[in-house]
Amino acid sequence: MTEVLGSVPGLASYALVATRDGMFAVMVCRDEASAIEVNRRAAAWLQAHISGFGAEAPDVWAGPVTVSVPCDGVAGPTNYPAREGAK
């Protein structure tokens, strides 16, 4: 997915989180056009790579970033297992 989303101008960050009940994504974009393109590309990638994805229409929320805290050394793909009982 990094190759698919990394070329979208205006994408600041994208995180896909797996939970016991499914998945959710959090993205930060500089403008609405970038957010629409990231959402389109991510949905296409997920439909092609994740079994059963797309069965339900996603909920979409948008708004301005209120607080942003940059964290050195935390960038890049991770593979953390979901915690027991996490929602």
PDB file of N, CA and C in Angstrom:
ATOM      1  N   MET A   1       0.817  -1.187   0.000  1.00  0.00           N
ATOM      2  CA  MET A   1       0.000   0.000   0.000  1.00  0.00           C
ATOM      3  C   MET A   1       0.863   1.254   0.000  1.00  0.00           C
ATOM      4  N   THR A   2       2.067   1.158   0.541  1.00  0.00           N
ATOM      5  CA  THR A   2       2.960   2.312   0.578  1.00  0.00           C
ATOM      6  C   THR A   2       3.199   2.867  -0.821  1.00  0.00           C
ATOM      7  N   GLU A   3       3.394   1.975  -1.787  1.00  0.00           N
ATOM      8  CA  GLU A   3       3.629   2.419  -3.162  1.00  0.00           C
ATOM      9  C   GLU A   3       2.402   3.090  -3.758  1.00  0.00           C
ATOM     10  N   VAL A   4       1.229   2.615  -3.390  1.00  0.00           N
ATOM     11  CA  VAL A   4      -0.025   3.139  -3.937  1.00  0.00           C
ATOM     12  C   VAL A   4      -0.339   4.524  -3.373  1.00  0.00           C
ATOM     13  N   LEU A   5      -0.141   4.705  -2.078  1.00  0.00           N
ATOM     14  CA  LEU A   5      -0.511   5.971  -1.445  1.00  0.00           C
ATOM     15  C   LEU A   5       0.625   6.982  -1.405  1.00  0.00           C
ATOM     16  N   GLY A   6       1.855   6.516  -1.438  1.00  0.00           N
ATOM     17  CA  GLY A   6       2.997   7.406  -1.276  1.00  0.00           C
ATOM     18  C   GLY A   6       3.126   8.479  -2.336  1.00  0.00           C
ATOM     19  N   SER A   7       2.537   8.261  -3.490  1.00  0.00           N
ATOM     20  CA  SER A   7       2.655   9.239  -4.574  1.00  0.00           C
ATOM     21  C   SER A   7       1.510  10.261  -4.595  1.00  0.00           C
ATOM     22  N   VAL A   8       0.598  10.193  -3.647  1.00  0.00           N
ATOM     23  CA  VAL A   8      -0.517  11.148  -3.628  1.00  0.00           C
ATOM     24  C   VAL A   8      -0.031  12.475  -3.044  1.00  0.00           C
ATOM     25  N   PRO A   9      -0.045  13.535  -3.843  1.00  0.00           N
ATOM     26  CA  PRO A   9       0.341  14.841  -3.302  1.00  0.00           C
ATOM     27  C   PRO A   9      -0.637  15.265  -2.211  1.00  0.00           C
ATOM     28  N   GLY A  10      -0.130  15.790  -1.127  1.00  0.00           N
ATOM     29  CA  GLY A  10      -0.993  16.272  -0.063  1.00  0.00           C
ATOM     30  C   GLY A  10      -1.259  15.275   1.046  1.00  0.00           C
ATOM     31  N   LEU A  11      -0.832  14.022   0.882  1.00  0.00           N
ATOM     32  CA  LEU A  11      -1.011  13.039   1.951  1.00  0.00           C
ATOM     33  C   LEU A  11       0.074  13.254   2.996  1.00  0.00           C
ATOM     34  N   ALA A  12      -0.334  13.525   4.235  1.00  0.00           N
ATOM     35  CA  ALA A  12       0.627  13.716   5.324  1.00  0.00           C
ATOM     36  C   ALA A  12       0.872  12.410   6.072  1.00  0.00           C
ATOM     37  N   SER A  13      -0.191  11.624   6.329  1.00  0.00           N
ATOM     38  CA  SER A  13      -0.020  10.337   7.002  1.00  0.00           C
ATOM     39  C   SER A  13      -1.240   9.456   6.763  1.00  0.00           C
ATOM     40  N   TYR A  14      -1.013   8.141   6.868  1.00  0.00           N
ATOM     41  CA  TYR A  14      -2.083   7.163   6.707  1.00  0.00           C
ATOM     42  C   TYR A  14      -1.773   5.999   7.631  1.00  0.00           C
ATOM     43  N   ALA A  15      -2.741   5.600   8.415  1.00  0.00           N
ATOM     44  CA  ALA A  15      -2.583   4.441   9.293  1.00  0.00           C
ATOM     45  C   ALA A  15      -3.800   3.544   9.134  1.00  0.00           C
ATOM     46  N   LEU A  16      -3.564   2.265   8.934  1.00  0.00           N
ATOM     47  CA  LEU A  16      -4.623   1.273   8.851  1.00  0.00           C
ATOM     48  C   LEU A  16      -4.500   0.407  10.096  1.00  0.00           C
ATOM     49  N   VAL A  17      -5.560   0.341  10.885  1.00  0.00           N
ATOM     50  CA  VAL A  17      -5.529  -0.346  12.168  1.00  0.00           C
ATOM     51  C   VAL A  17      -6.486  -1.534  12.125  1.00  0.00           C
ATOM     52  N   ALA A  18      -5.978  -2.720  12.455  1.00  0.00           N
ATOM     53  CA  ALA A  18      -6.809  -3.915  12.526  1.00  0.00           C
ATOM     54  C   ALA A  18      -7.266  -4.118  13.966  1.00  0.00           C
ATOM     55  N   THR A  19      -8.552  -4.364  14.138  1.00  0.00           N
ATOM     56  CA  THR A  19      -9.122  -4.645  15.453  1.00  0.00           C
ATOM     57  C   THR A  19      -9.806  -5.999  15.417  1.00  0.00           C
ATOM     58  N   ARG A  20     -10.271  -6.434  16.535  1.00  0.00           N
ATOM     59  CA  ARG A  20     -10.990  -7.705  16.587  1.00  0.00           C
ATOM     60  C   ARG A  20     -12.267  -7.631  15.745  1.00  0.00           C
ATOM     61  N   ASP A  21     -12.849  -6.448  15.636  1.00  0.00           N
ATOM     62  CA  ASP A  21     -14.115  -6.274  14.920  1.00  0.00           C
ATOM     63  C   ASP A  21     -13.963  -5.837  13.472  1.00  0.00           C
ATOM     64  N   GLY A  22     -12.759  -5.611  13.012  1.00  0.00           N
ATOM     65  CA  GLY A  22     -12.551  -5.166  11.638  1.00  0.00           C
ATOM     66  C   GLY A  22     -11.335  -4.275  11.523  1.00  0.00           C
ATOM     67  N   MET A  23     -11.450  -3.227  10.726  1.00  0.00           N
ATOM     68  CA  MET A  23     -10.347  -2.303  10.515  1.00  0.00           C
ATOM     69  C   MET A  23     -10.871  -0.878  10.467  1.00  0.00           C
ATOM     70  N   PHE A  24      -9.956   0.053  10.741  1.00  0.00           N
ATOM     71  CA  PHE A  24     -10.264   1.453  10.488  1.00  0.00           C
ATOM     72  C   PHE A  24      -8.989   2.140  10.041  1.00  0.00           C
ATOM     73  N   ALA A  25      -9.150   3.214   9.300  1.00  0.00           N
ATOM     74  CA  ALA A  25      -8.008   3.981   8.810  1.00  0.00           C
ATOM     75  C   ALA A  25      -8.110   5.412   9.312  1.00  0.00           C
ATOM     76  N   VAL A  26      -6.955   5.979   9.560  1.00  0.00           N
ATOM     77  CA  VAL A  26      -6.860   7.389   9.915  1.00  0.00           C
ATOM     78  C   VAL A  26      -5.889   8.020   8.927  1.00  0.00           C
ATOM     79  N   MET A  27      -6.340   9.038   8.218  1.00  0.00           N
ATOM     80  CA  MET A  27      -5.458   9.714   7.277  1.00  0.00           C
ATOM     81  C   MET A  27      -5.501  11.202   7.521  1.00  0.00           C
ATOM     82  N   VAL A  28      -4.373  11.836   7.260  1.00  0.00           N
ATOM     83  CA  VAL A  28      -4.274  13.284   7.364  1.00  0.00           C
ATOM     84  C   VAL A  28      -3.797  13.787   6.012  1.00  0.00           C
ATOM     85  N   CYS A  29      -4.590  14.663   5.418  1.00  0.00           N
ATOM     86  CA  CYS A  29      -4.279  15.220   4.100  1.00  0.00           C
ATOM     87  C   CYS A  29      -4.315  16.742   4.179  1.00  0.00           C
ATOM     88  N   ARG A  30      -3.630  17.363   3.261  1.00  0.00           N
ATOM     89  CA  ARG A  30      -3.563  18.819   3.252  1.00  0.00           C
ATOM     90  C   ARG A  30      -4.826  19.477   2.688  1.00  0.00           C
ATOM     91  N   ASP A  31      -5.586  18.724   1.881  1.00  0.00           N
ATOM     92  CA  ASP A  31      -6.799  19.296   1.301  1.00  0.00           C
ATOM     93  C   ASP A  31      -7.788  18.181   0.974  1.00  0.00           C
ATOM     94  N   GLU A  32      -9.002  18.578   0.650  1.00  0.00           N
ATOM     95  CA  GLU A  32     -10.067  17.616   0.384  1.00  0.00           C
ATOM     96  C   GLU A  32      -9.781  16.761  -0.849  1.00  0.00           C
ATOM     97  N   ALA A  33      -9.209  17.343  -1.887  1.00  0.00           N
ATOM     98  CA  ALA A  33      -8.902  16.573  -3.100  1.00  0.00           C
ATOM     99  C   ALA A  33      -7.929  15.442  -2.801  1.00  0.00           C
ATOM    100  N   SER A  34      -6.930  15.707  -1.972  1.00  0.00           N
ATOM    101  CA  SER A  34      -5.974  14.664  -1.585  1.00  0.00           C
ATOM    102  C   SER A  34      -6.674  13.570  -0.794  1.00  0.00           C
ATOM    103  N   ALA A  35      -7.551  13.946   0.121  1.00  0.00           N
ATOM    104  CA  ALA A  35      -8.273  12.966   0.930  1.00  0.00           C
ATOM    105  C   ALA A  35      -9.151  12.069   0.059  1.00  0.00           C
ATOM    106  N   ILE A  36      -9.810  12.647  -0.918  1.00  0.00           N
ATOM    107  CA  ILE A  36     -10.646  11.858  -1.824  1.00  0.00           C
ATOM    108  C   ILE A  36      -9.798  10.867  -2.611  1.00  0.00           C
ATOM    109  N   GLU A  37      -8.650  11.306  -3.099  1.00  0.00           N
ATOM    110  CA  GLU A  37      -7.774  10.417  -3.875  1.00  0.00           C
ATOM    111  C   GLU A  37      -7.179   9.314  -3.008  1.00  0.00           C
ATOM    112  N   VAL A  38      -6.757   9.653  -1.806  1.00  0.00           N
ATOM    113  CA  VAL A  38      -6.220   8.631  -0.896  1.00  0.00           C
ATOM    114  C   VAL A  38      -7.299   7.604  -0.581  1.00  0.00           C
ATOM    115  N   ASN A  39      -8.489   8.054  -0.285  1.00  0.00           N
ATOM    116  CA  ASN A  39      -9.588   7.143   0.019  1.00  0.00           C
ATOM    117  C   ASN A  39      -9.890   6.224  -1.161  1.00  0.00           C
ATOM    118  N   ARG A  40      -9.895   6.781  -2.367  1.00  0.00           N
ATOM    119  CA  ARG A  40     -10.162   5.980  -3.572  1.00  0.00           C
ATOM    120  C   ARG A  40      -9.088   4.912  -3.762  1.00  0.00           C
ATOM    121  N   ARG A  41      -7.818   5.312  -3.659  1.00  0.00           N
ATOM    122  CA  ARG A  41      -6.715   4.361  -3.863  1.00  0.00           C
ATOM    123  C   ARG A  41      -6.659   3.306  -2.766  1.00  0.00           C
ATOM    124  N   ALA A  42      -6.878   3.724  -1.528  1.00  0.00           N
ATOM    125  CA  ALA A  42      -6.847   2.775  -0.412  1.00  0.00           C
ATOM    126  C   ALA A  42      -7.968   1.751  -0.547  1.00  0.00           C
ATOM    127  N   ALA A  43      -9.153   2.199  -0.899  1.00  0.00           N
ATOM    128  CA  ALA A  43     -10.282   1.279  -1.064  1.00  0.00           C
ATOM    129  C   ALA A  43      -9.999   0.265  -2.165  1.00  0.00           C
ATOM    130  N   ALA A  44      -9.440   0.709  -3.281  1.00  0.00           N
ATOM    131  CA  ALA A  44      -9.116  -0.213  -4.376  1.00  0.00           C
ATOM    132  C   ALA A  44      -8.075  -1.235  -3.923  1.00  0.00           C
ATOM    133  N   TRP A  45      -7.049  -0.783  -3.198  1.00  0.00           N
ATOM    134  CA  TRP A  45      -6.003  -1.695  -2.720  1.00  0.00           C
ATOM    135  C   TRP A  45      -6.579  -2.706  -1.740  1.00  0.00           C
ATOM    136  N   LEU A  46      -7.399  -2.231  -0.809  1.00  0.00           N
ATOM    137  CA  LEU A  46      -7.981  -3.121   0.190  1.00  0.00           C
ATOM    138  C   LEU A  46      -8.902  -4.149  -0.448  1.00  0.00           C
ATOM    139  N   GLN A  47      -9.699  -3.729  -1.417  1.00  0.00           N
ATOM    140  CA  GLN A  47     -10.585  -4.674  -2.104  1.00  0.00           C
ATOM    141  C   GLN A  47      -9.790  -5.758  -2.825  1.00  0.00           C
ATOM    142  N   ALA A  48      -8.624  -5.403  -3.354  1.00  0.00           N
ATOM    143  CA  ALA A  48      -7.797  -6.359  -4.076  1.00  0.00           C
ATOM    144  C   ALA A  48      -6.981  -7.271  -3.154  1.00  0.00           C
ATOM    145  N   HIS A  49      -6.704  -6.822  -1.922  1.00  0.00           N
ATOM    146  CA  HIS A  49      -5.776  -7.553  -1.063  1.00  0.00           C
ATOM    147  C   HIS A  49      -6.353  -8.096   0.242  1.00  0.00           C
ATOM    148  N   ILE A  50      -7.512  -7.630   0.660  1.00  0.00           N
ATOM    149  CA  ILE A  50      -8.086  -8.062   1.930  1.00  0.00           C
ATOM    150  C   ILE A  50      -9.393  -8.807   1.656  1.00  0.00           C
ATOM    151  N   SER A  51      -9.431 -10.074   2.028  1.00  0.00           N
ATOM    152  CA  SER A  51     -10.609 -10.903   1.801  1.00  0.00           C
ATOM    153  C   SER A  51     -11.817 -10.338   2.544  1.00  0.00           C
ATOM    154  N   GLY A  52     -12.926 -10.198   1.847  1.00  0.00           N
ATOM    155  CA  GLY A  52     -14.168  -9.735   2.452  1.00  0.00           C
ATOM    156  C   GLY A  52     -14.274  -8.231   2.617  1.00  0.00           C
ATOM    157  N   PHE A  53     -13.248  -7.492   2.203  1.00  0.00           N
ATOM    158  CA  PHE A  53     -13.321  -6.037   2.344  1.00  0.00           C
ATOM    159  C   PHE A  53     -14.357  -5.479   1.391  1.00  0.00           C
ATOM    160  N   GLY A  54     -15.085  -4.490   1.837  1.00  0.00           N
ATOM    161  CA  GLY A  54     -16.055  -3.826   0.972  1.00  0.00           C
ATOM    162  C   GLY A  54     -17.469  -4.318   1.160  1.00  0.00           C
ATOM    163  N   ALA A  55     -17.661  -5.223   2.121  1.00  0.00           N
ATOM    164  CA  ALA A  55     -19.000  -5.737   2.357  1.00  0.00           C
ATOM    165  C   ALA A  55     -19.928  -4.655   2.890  1.00  0.00           C
ATOM    166  N   GLU A  56     -19.378  -3.703   3.615  1.00  0.00           N
ATOM    167  CA  GLU A  56     -20.177  -2.610   4.167  1.00  0.00           C
ATOM    168  C   GLU A  56     -19.619  -1.280   3.686  1.00  0.00           C
ATOM    169  N   ALA A  57     -20.484  -0.313   3.507  1.00  0.00           N
ATOM    170  CA  ALA A  57     -20.024   1.033   3.147  1.00  0.00           C
ATOM    171  C   ALA A  57     -19.293   1.634   4.350  1.00  0.00           C
ATOM    172  N   PRO A  58     -18.162   2.282   4.126  1.00  0.00           N
ATOM    173  CA  PRO A  58     -17.417   2.837   5.257  1.00  0.00           C
ATOM    174  C   PRO A  58     -18.075   4.098   5.818  1.00  0.00           C
ATOM    175  N   ASP A  59     -17.843   4.336   7.095  1.00  0.00           N
ATOM    176  CA  ASP A  59     -18.206   5.614   7.699  1.00  0.00           C
ATOM    177  C   ASP A  59     -17.058   6.566   7.416  1.00  0.00           C
ATOM    178  N   VAL A  60     -17.360   7.783   7.023  1.00  0.00           N
ATOM    179  CA  VAL A  60     -16.318   8.762   6.711  1.00  0.00           C
ATOM    180  C   VAL A  60     -16.571  10.015   7.535  1.00  0.00           C
ATOM    181  N   TRP A  61     -15.525  10.452   8.239  1.00  0.00           N
ATOM    182  CA  TRP A  61     -15.579  11.688   9.012  1.00  0.00           C
ATOM    183  C   TRP A  61     -14.457  12.582   8.544  1.00  0.00           C
ATOM    184  N   ALA A  62     -14.689  13.869   8.540  1.00  0.00           N
ATOM    185  CA  ALA A  62     -13.653  14.818   8.121  1.00  0.00           C
ATOM    186  C   ALA A  62     -13.692  16.028   9.033  1.00  0.00           C
ATOM    187  N   GLY A  63     -12.535  16.635   9.226  1.00  0.00           N
ATOM    188  CA  GLY A  63     -12.452  17.840  10.031  1.00  0.00           C
ATOM    189  C   GLY A  63     -11.017  18.303  10.120  1.00  0.00           C
ATOM    190  N   PRO A  64     -10.808  19.484  10.649  1.00  0.00           N
ATOM    191  CA  PRO A  64      -9.449  20.015  10.759  1.00  0.00           C
ATOM    192  C   PRO A  64      -8.668  19.310  11.865  1.00  0.00           C
ATOM    193  N   VAL A  65      -7.351  19.238  11.707  1.00  0.00           N
ATOM    194  CA  VAL A  65      -6.491  18.688  12.751  1.00  0.00           C
ATOM    195  C   VAL A  65      -6.436  19.692  13.885  1.00  0.00           C
ATOM    196  N   THR A  66      -6.727  19.233  15.088  1.00  0.00           N
ATOM    197  CA  THR A  66      -6.726  20.096  16.260  1.00  0.00           C
ATOM    198  C   THR A  66      -5.370  20.076  16.958  1.00  0.00           C
ATOM    199  N   VAL A  67      -4.779  18.889  17.085  1.00  0.00           N
ATOM    200  CA  VAL A  67      -3.470  18.723  17.719  1.00  0.00           C
ATOM    201  C   VAL A  67      -2.674  17.743  16.880  1.00  0.00           C
ATOM    202  N   SER A  68      -1.415  18.062  16.632  1.00  0.00           N
ATOM    203  CA  SER A  68      -0.522  17.168  15.907  1.00  0.00           C
ATOM    204  C   SER A  68       0.802  17.110  16.655  1.00  0.00           C
ATOM    205  N   VAL A  69       1.226  15.902  17.025  1.00  0.00           N
ATOM    206  CA  VAL A  69       2.470  15.722  17.762  1.00  0.00           C
ATOM    207  C   VAL A  69       3.391  14.828  16.942  1.00  0.00           C
ATOM    208  N   PRO A  70       4.431  15.395  16.328  1.00  0.00           N
ATOM    209  CA  PRO A  70       5.355  14.556  15.569  1.00  0.00           C
ATOM    210  C   PRO A  70       6.185  13.698  16.518  1.00  0.00           C
ATOM    211  N   CYS A  71       6.413  12.474  16.139  1.00  0.00           N
ATOM    212  CA  CYS A  71       7.158  11.532  16.981  1.00  0.00           C
ATOM    213  C   CYS A  71       8.292  10.917  16.170  1.00  0.00           C
ATOM    214  N   ASP A  72       9.515  11.269  16.465  1.00  0.00           N
ATOM    215  CA  ASP A  72      10.670  10.704  15.765  1.00  0.00           C
ATOM    216  C   ASP A  72      10.777   9.208  16.031  1.00  0.00           C
ATOM    217  N   GLY A  73      11.151   8.477  14.997  1.00  0.00           N
ATOM    218  CA  GLY A  73      11.391   7.049  15.147  1.00  0.00           C
ATOM    219  C   GLY A  73      10.150   6.189  15.135  1.00  0.00           C
ATOM    220  N   VAL A  74       8.986   6.746  14.884  1.00  0.00           N
ATOM    221  CA  VAL A  74       7.761   5.961  14.900  1.00  0.00           C
ATOM    222  C   VAL A  74       7.218   5.757  13.483  1.00  0.00           C
ATOM    223  N   ALA A  75       7.822   6.400  12.508  1.00  0.00           N
ATOM    224  CA  ALA A  75       7.322   6.300  11.135  1.00  0.00           C
ATOM    225  C   ALA A  75       7.672   4.943  10.536  1.00  0.00           C
ATOM    226  N   GLY A  76       6.898   4.556   9.552  1.00  0.00           N
ATOM    227  CA  GLY A  76       7.174   3.330   8.813  1.00  0.00           C
ATOM    228  C   GLY A  76       6.176   2.240   9.148  1.00  0.00           C
ATOM    229  N   PRO A  77       6.175   1.180   8.330  1.00  0.00           N
ATOM    230  CA  PRO A  77       5.206   0.105   8.535  1.00  0.00           C
ATOM    231  C   PRO A  77       5.485  -0.641   9.835  1.00  0.00           C
ATOM    232  N   THR A  78       4.427  -1.029  10.506  1.00  0.00           N
ATOM    233  CA  THR A  78       4.541  -1.821  11.723  1.00  0.00           C
ATOM    234  C   THR A  78       3.609  -3.003  11.616  1.00  0.00           C
ATOM    235  N   ASN A  79       3.815  -3.968  12.451  1.00  0.00           N
ATOM    236  CA  ASN A  79       2.971  -5.157  12.454  1.00  0.00           C
ATOM    237  C   ASN A  79       2.700  -5.556  13.893  1.00  0.00           C
ATOM    238  N   TYR A  80       1.960  -4.733  14.610  1.00  0.00           N
ATOM    239  CA  TYR A  80       1.635  -5.020  15.992  1.00  0.00           C
ATOM    240  C   TYR A  80       0.371  -5.862  16.050  1.00  0.00           C
ATOM    241  N   PRO A  81       0.385  -6.954  16.804  1.00  0.00           N
ATOM    242  CA  PRO A  81      -0.857  -7.749  16.934  1.00  0.00           C
ATOM    243  C   PRO A  81      -1.870  -6.981  17.777  1.00  0.00           C
ATOM    244  N   ALA A  82      -3.149  -7.202  17.492  1.00  0.00           N
ATOM    245  CA  ALA A  82      -4.201  -6.561  18.283  1.00  0.00           C
ATOM    246  C   ALA A  82      -4.145  -7.115  19.704  1.00  0.00           C
ATOM    247  N   ARG A  83      -4.314  -6.221  20.681  1.00  0.00           N
ATOM    248  CA  ARG A  83      -4.325  -6.667  22.081  1.00  0.00           C
ATOM    249  C   ARG A  83      -5.579  -7.447  22.369  1.00  0.00           C
ATOM    250  N   GLU A  84      -5.471  -8.396  23.266  1.00  0.00           N
ATOM    251  CA  GLU A  84      -6.613  -9.176  23.690  1.00  0.00           C
ATOM    252  C   GLU A  84      -7.669  -8.246  24.272  1.00  0.00           C
ATOM    253  N   GLY A  85      -8.888  -8.329  23.785  1.00  0.00           N
ATOM    254  CA  GLY A  85      -9.977  -7.524  24.293  1.00  0.00           C
ATOM    255  C   GLY A  85     -10.028  -6.113  23.745  1.00  0.00           C
ATOM    256  N   ALA A  86      -9.086  -5.734  22.851  1.00  0.00           N
ATOM    257  CA  ALA A  86      -9.083  -4.378  22.304  1.00  0.00           C
ATOM    258  C   ALA A  86     -10.237  -4.209  21.331  1.00  0.00           C
ATOM    259  N   LYS A  87     -10.788  -3.010  21.304  1.00  0.00           N
ATOM    260  CA  LYS A  87     -11.855  -2.689  20.349  1.00  0.00           C
ATOM    261  C   LYS A  87     -11.478  -1.503  19.537  1.00  0.00           C
TER     262      LYS A  87
END
